[in-house]
Amino acid sequence: MAITDYKVTNSDISNTSVETSANDTLIGTAQENKRTFDKLPRRIIERYNALVDFLEVNLADNIIDPEVIELYESIGFINTTE
């Protein structure tokens, strides 16, 4: 997948968001309504986590110079990539 595949698109938003007006009332059970309102945040979380995984696999070894890692380790940060 390309990095742009992890974007939350307008289609994602329109398919998962809840639009209301002042006179709308909820008609589902509390659990059904919660599930409906949680769709968009869950989609964003899924895309974000997938992006983090993509970056970890494809870029982690290439973007941090070893000297920078040594500097951070020297001030107490732990390198967890080994």
Protein backbone atom coordinates (compact mmCIF):
# COMPACT_ATOMS: atom_id res chain seq x y z
CA MET A 1 0.00 0.00 0.00
CA ALA A 2 1.05 3.56 -0.59
CA ILE A 3 1.21 5.96 2.32
CA THR A 4 -1.71 7.92 0.85
CA ASP A 5 -3.93 4.83 1.23
CA TYR A 6 -4.06 5.55 4.96
CA LYS A 7 -5.83 8.89 4.58
CA VAL A 8 -9.33 9.25 5.97
CA THR A 9 -11.26 10.26 2.87
CA ASN A 10 -14.44 12.25 2.37
CA SER A 11 -16.06 8.94 1.45
CA ASP A 12 -14.99 7.44 4.80
CA ILE A 13 -16.48 10.41 6.58
CA SER A 14 -19.77 10.40 4.69
CA ASN A 15 -20.16 6.64 5.14
CA THR A 16 -19.42 6.62 8.87
CA SER A 17 -20.34 10.01 10.32
CA VAL A 18 -23.64 10.97 11.88
CA GLU A 19 -25.38 14.08 10.65
CA THR A 20 -28.23 15.53 12.63
CA SER A 21 -30.48 18.53 12.66
CA ALA A 22 -32.21 20.23 15.58
CA ASN A 23 -35.40 18.16 15.25
CA ASP A 24 -33.79 14.72 14.85
CA THR A 25 -34.36 12.17 17.59
CA LEU A 26 -32.49 8.96 18.25
CA ILE A 27 -34.56 5.88 17.46
CA GLY A 28 -32.21 3.01 18.22
CA THR A 29 -31.28 1.42 21.49
CA ALA A 30 -28.46 3.02 23.46
CA GLN A 31 -26.04 0.35 22.18
CA GLU A 32 -27.15 0.81 18.55
CA ASN A 33 -26.80 4.58 18.81
CA LYS A 34 -23.36 4.28 20.42
CA ARG A 35 -22.23 1.93 17.65
CA THR A 36 -23.42 4.44 15.04
CA PHE A 37 -21.65 7.39 16.68
CA ASP A 38 -18.44 5.36 17.16
CA LYS A 39 -18.03 4.43 13.47
CA LEU A 40 -16.02 7.45 12.37
CA PRO A 41 -13.65 7.58 15.37
CA ARG A 42 -13.03 3.85 14.97
CA ARG A 43 -12.24 4.34 11.26
CA ILE A 44 -9.78 7.10 12.11
CA ILE A 45 -8.13 4.91 14.76
CA GLU A 46 -7.86 1.99 12.30
CA ARG A 47 -6.23 4.20 9.67
CA TYR A 48 -3.89 5.82 12.18
CA ASN A 49 -2.74 2.47 13.57
CA ALA A 50 -2.24 1.08 10.07
CA LEU A 51 -0.16 4.14 9.18
CA VAL A 52 2.00 3.71 12.27
CA ASP A 53 2.55 0.04 11.35
CA PHE A 54 3.41 1.04 7.76
CA LEU A 55 5.92 3.63 8.94
CA GLU A 56 7.46 1.24 11.43
CA VAL A 57 7.98 -1.47 8.82
CA ASN A 58 9.01 0.71 5.90
CA LEU A 59 10.80 3.70 7.36
CA ALA A 60 12.00 3.14 10.91
CA ASP A 61 15.44 1.86 9.93
CA ASN A 62 15.96 4.62 7.37
CA ILE A 63 14.94 7.85 9.02
CA ILE A 64 16.95 7.97 12.25
CA ASP A 65 20.68 8.40 11.92
CA PRO A 66 22.58 6.06 14.28
CA GLU A 67 24.40 9.07 15.74
CA VAL A 68 21.05 10.57 16.75
CA ILE A 69 20.07 7.30 18.44
CA GLU A 70 23.39 7.26 20.30
CA LEU A 71 22.80 10.85 21.44
CA TYR A 72 19.34 10.01 22.77
CA GLU A 73 20.66 6.89 24.49
CA SER A 74 23.41 8.95 26.10
CA ILE A 75 20.79 11.15 27.78
CA GLY A 76 18.70 8.23 29.02
CA PHE A 77 16.35 7.23 26.23
CA ILE A 78 16.25 3.51 25.45
CA ASN A 79 16.54 2.16 21.91
CA THR A 80 13.74 -0.41 21.61
CA THR A 81 14.40 -1.23 17.93
CA GLU A 82 17.13 -3.79 18.58
